Amino acid sequence: MGEPLPVLVLISEDPRASHRANEALRIALGVVAGENPVTVVLVGPAAHLLDDNTDDLVDGDDIAKFRGSLKRFGISFHVERSAIPPDGSGWNEDGHAVVPISPDEIAGLVAKAERFIVF
């Protein structure tokens, strides 16, 4: 058998308003645990998945747990540059690996992926 195919998990759902953002993280974790290469991309309001105070997020406790597990697996969050809070306060203070990216760079990641999970 060859190398596992890369999977792109693209999340644009707002975790302050939808369970779907949490579900996307849960699925990403499951794919990672299956030893598949995964790239997680947060677009627009999905960047709130990295908010420090998860009390304001739908499923906040689960989000914190899944985020921690992804961190232990060494998974970075590729975050649309314009969605990153300008001052960074209250955001990603647990030091999760974040790669700021542009829309063009997101398109490049899409072009390289073999499979997609889009929320």
C-alpha atoms as a PDB file:
ATOM      1  CA  MET A   1       0.000   0.000   0.000  1.00  0.00           C
ATOM      2  CA  GLY A   2       1.101   3.566  -0.687  1.00  0.00           C
ATOM      3  CA  GLU A   3       1.189   6.615   1.523  1.00  0.00           C
ATOM      4  CA  PRO A   4      -2.097   7.702   3.122  1.00  0.00           C
ATOM      5  CA  LEU A   5      -3.807  10.447   1.158  1.00  0.00           C
ATOM      6  CA  PRO A   6      -3.704  13.952   2.651  1.00  0.00           C
ATOM      7  CA  VAL A   7      -6.963  15.228   4.132  1.00  0.00           C
ATOM      8  CA  LEU A   8      -7.886  18.918   4.339  1.00  0.00           C
ATOM      9  CA  VAL A   9     -10.343  19.880   7.081  1.00  0.00           C
ATOM     10  CA  LEU A  10     -11.694  23.335   6.229  1.00  0.00           C
ATOM     11  CA  ILE A  11     -13.778  24.927   8.975  1.00  0.00           C
ATOM     12  CA  SER A  12     -15.709  28.151   8.455  1.00  0.00           C
ATOM     13  CA  GLU A  13     -18.541  27.618  10.948  1.00  0.00           C
ATOM     14  CA  ASP A  14     -18.738  29.994  13.910  1.00  0.00           C
ATOM     15  CA  PRO A  15     -18.242  27.991  17.146  1.00  0.00           C
ATOM     16  CA  ARG A  16     -20.127  30.694  19.047  1.00  0.00           C
ATOM     17  CA  ALA A  17     -23.293  29.850  17.117  1.00  0.00           C
ATOM     18  CA  SER A  18     -23.028  26.305  15.750  1.00  0.00           C
ATOM     19  CA  HIS A  19     -22.242  22.776  16.890  1.00  0.00           C
ATOM     20  CA  ARG A  20     -20.720  22.151  13.470  1.00  0.00           C
ATOM     21  CA  ALA A  21     -17.363  23.725  14.323  1.00  0.00           C
ATOM     22  CA  ASN A  22     -16.939  21.339  17.257  1.00  0.00           C
ATOM     23  CA  GLU A  23     -18.032  18.416  15.084  1.00  0.00           C
ATOM     24  CA  ALA A  24     -15.389  19.363  12.528  1.00  0.00           C
ATOM     25  CA  LEU A  25     -12.674  19.289  15.213  1.00  0.00           C
ATOM     26  CA  ARG A  26     -13.917  15.909  16.439  1.00  0.00           C
ATOM     27  CA  ILE A  27     -13.772  14.490  12.929  1.00  0.00           C
ATOM     28  CA  ALA A  28     -10.311  15.969  12.326  1.00  0.00           C
ATOM     29  CA  LEU A  29      -9.104  14.271  15.493  1.00  0.00           C
ATOM     30  CA  GLY A  30     -10.544  10.959  14.323  1.00  0.00           C
ATOM     31  CA  VAL A  31      -8.787  11.267  10.969  1.00  0.00           C
ATOM     32  CA  VAL A  32      -5.487  12.109  12.678  1.00  0.00           C
ATOM     33  CA  ALA A  33      -5.841   9.143  15.023  1.00  0.00           C
ATOM     34  CA  GLY A  34      -6.210   6.960  11.929  1.00  0.00           C
ATOM     35  CA  GLU A  35      -2.672   8.023  10.962  1.00  0.00           C
ATOM     36  CA  ASN A  36      -3.714  10.097   7.973  1.00  0.00           C
ATOM     37  CA  PRO A  37      -1.911  13.351   7.209  1.00  0.00           C
ATOM     38  CA  VAL A  38      -4.309  16.189   8.067  1.00  0.00           C
ATOM     39  CA  THR A  39      -4.271  19.920   7.510  1.00  0.00           C
ATOM     40  CA  VAL A  40      -6.785  21.921   9.554  1.00  0.00           C
ATOM     41  CA  VAL A  41      -7.739  25.318   8.116  1.00  0.00           C
ATOM     42  CA  LEU A  42      -9.814  27.870  10.047  1.00  0.00           C
ATOM     43  CA  VAL A  43     -11.525  30.527   7.939  1.00  0.00           C
ATOM     44  CA  GLY A  44     -13.403  33.601   9.168  1.00  0.00           C
ATOM     45  CA  PRO A  45     -15.327  33.076  12.414  1.00  0.00           C
ATOM     46  CA  ALA A  46     -13.955  29.548  12.805  1.00  0.00           C
ATOM     47  CA  ALA A  47     -10.824  31.201  14.238  1.00  0.00           C
ATOM     48  CA  HIS A  48     -12.851  31.504  17.452  1.00  0.00           C
ATOM     49  CA  LEU A  49     -12.114  27.802  17.951  1.00  0.00           C
ATOM     50  CA  LEU A  50      -8.850  29.105  19.429  1.00  0.00           C
ATOM     51  CA  ASP A  51     -10.500  31.519  21.863  1.00  0.00           C
ATOM     52  CA  ASP A  52      -9.117  31.085  25.364  1.00  0.00           C
ATOM     53  CA  ASN A  53     -12.497  31.452  27.035  1.00  0.00           C
ATOM     54  CA  THR A  54     -14.459  28.528  25.672  1.00  0.00           C
ATOM     55  CA  ASP A  55     -17.489  29.387  27.858  1.00  0.00           C
ATOM     56  CA  ASP A  56     -18.879  31.529  25.028  1.00  0.00           C
ATOM     57  CA  LEU A  57     -18.546  28.705  22.494  1.00  0.00           C
ATOM     58  CA  VAL A  58     -21.189  26.106  21.728  1.00  0.00           C
ATOM     59  CA  ASP A  59     -19.689  22.848  23.067  1.00  0.00           C
ATOM     60  CA  GLY A  60     -16.819  24.803  24.628  1.00  0.00           C
ATOM     61  CA  ASP A  61     -15.665  21.985  26.928  1.00  0.00           C
ATOM     62  CA  ASP A  62     -15.454  19.564  24.020  1.00  0.00           C
ATOM     63  CA  ILE A  63     -13.667  22.129  21.863  1.00  0.00           C
ATOM     64  CA  ALA A  64     -10.990  22.586  24.544  1.00  0.00           C
ATOM     65  CA  LYS A  65     -10.581  18.805  24.828  1.00  0.00           C
ATOM     66  CA  PHE A  66     -10.333  18.220  21.058  1.00  0.00           C
ATOM     67  CA  ARG A  67      -7.981  21.179  20.656  1.00  0.00           C
ATOM     68  CA  GLY A  68      -5.693  19.725  23.328  1.00  0.00           C
ATOM     69  CA  SER A  69      -5.700  16.320  21.673  1.00  0.00           C
ATOM     70  CA  LEU A  70      -4.866  17.816  18.274  1.00  0.00           C
ATOM     71  CA  LYS A  71      -2.015  19.723  19.912  1.00  0.00           C
ATOM     72  CA  ARG A  72      -0.631  16.480  21.373  1.00  0.00           C
ATOM     73  CA  PHE A  73      -0.701  14.977  17.872  1.00  0.00           C
ATOM     74  CA  GLY A  74       1.317  17.972  16.645  1.00  0.00           C
ATOM     75  CA  ILE A  75      -1.436  19.311  14.386  1.00  0.00           C
ATOM     76  CA  SER A  76      -1.148  23.010  13.528  1.00  0.00           C
ATOM     77  CA  PHE A  77      -4.092  25.246  12.789  1.00  0.00           C
ATOM     78  CA  HIS A  78      -3.732  27.104   9.514  1.00  0.00           C
ATOM     79  CA  VAL A  79      -5.712  30.278  10.180  1.00  0.00           C
ATOM     80  CA  GLU A  80      -6.828  32.811   7.622  1.00  0.00           C
ATOM     81  CA  ARG A  81      -4.630  35.806   8.400  1.00  0.00           C
ATOM     82  CA  SER A  82      -7.534  38.286   8.385  1.00  0.00           C
ATOM     83  CA  ALA A  83      -9.390  36.186  11.017  1.00  0.00           C
ATOM     84  CA  ILE A  84      -6.604  36.391  13.599  1.00  0.00           C
ATOM     85  CA  PRO A  85      -7.416  38.998  16.289  1.00  0.00           C
ATOM     86  CA  PRO A  86      -5.113  42.006  15.777  1.00  0.00           C
ATOM     87  CA  ASP A  87      -3.952  42.208  19.386  1.00  0.00           C
ATOM     88  CA  GLY A  88      -4.098  38.456  19.996  1.00  0.00           C
ATOM     89  CA  SER A  89      -5.365  38.876  23.540  1.00  0.00           C
ATOM     90  CA  GLY A  90      -7.759  36.179  24.697  1.00  0.00           C
ATOM     91  CA  TRP A  91      -6.811  34.040  21.741  1.00  0.00           C
ATOM     92  CA  ASN A  92      -4.574  30.976  21.550  1.00  0.00           C
ATOM     93  CA  GLU A  93      -2.814  31.675  24.811  1.00  0.00           C
ATOM     94  CA  ASP A  94      -2.283  27.923  25.260  1.00  0.00           C
ATOM     95  CA  GLY A  95       0.268  28.187  22.454  1.00  0.00           C
ATOM     96  CA  HIS A  96      -1.279  25.908  19.872  1.00  0.00           C
ATOM     97  CA  ALA A  97       0.807  25.958  16.674  1.00  0.00           C
ATOM     98  CA  VAL A  98      -0.796  28.488  14.314  1.00  0.00           C
ATOM     99  CA  VAL A  99       0.185  29.113  10.719  1.00  0.00           C
ATOM    100  CA  PRO A 100      -1.268  32.416   9.425  1.00  0.00           C
ATOM    101  CA  ILE A 101      -2.251  32.019   5.773  1.00  0.00           C
ATOM    102  CA  SER A 102      -3.773  34.052   2.977  1.00  0.00           C
ATOM    103  CA  PRO A 103      -6.716  33.068   0.773  1.00  0.00           C
ATOM    104  CA  ASP A 104      -4.239  32.231  -2.009  1.00  0.00           C
ATOM    105  CA  GLU A 105      -2.335  29.929   0.343  1.00  0.00           C
ATOM    106  CA  ILE A 106      -5.615  28.256   1.329  1.00  0.00           C
ATOM    107  CA  ALA A 107      -6.266  27.634  -2.372  1.00  0.00           C
ATOM    108  CA  GLY A 108      -2.816  26.066  -2.607  1.00  0.00           C
ATOM    109  CA  LEU A 109      -3.591  23.700   0.270  1.00  0.00           C
ATOM    110  CA  VAL A 110      -6.865  22.742  -1.411  1.00  0.00           C
ATOM    111  CA  ALA A 111      -4.998  21.977  -4.635  1.00  0.00           C
ATOM    112  CA  LYS A 112      -2.613  19.604  -2.800  1.00  0.00           C
ATOM    113  CA  ALA A 113      -5.243  17.696  -0.818  1.00  0.00           C
ATOM    114  CA  GLU A 114      -6.717  14.438  -2.029  1.00  0.00           C
ATOM    115  CA  ARG A 115      -9.722  14.411   0.316  1.00  0.00           C
ATOM    116  CA  PHE A 116     -11.760  17.165   1.958  1.00  0.00           C
ATOM    117  CA  ILE A 117     -13.948  17.667   4.984  1.00  0.00           C
ATOM    118  CA  VAL A 118     -15.682  21.031   4.817  1.00  0.00           C
ATOM    119  CA  PHE A 119     -17.772  22.595   7.585  1.00  0.00           C
END
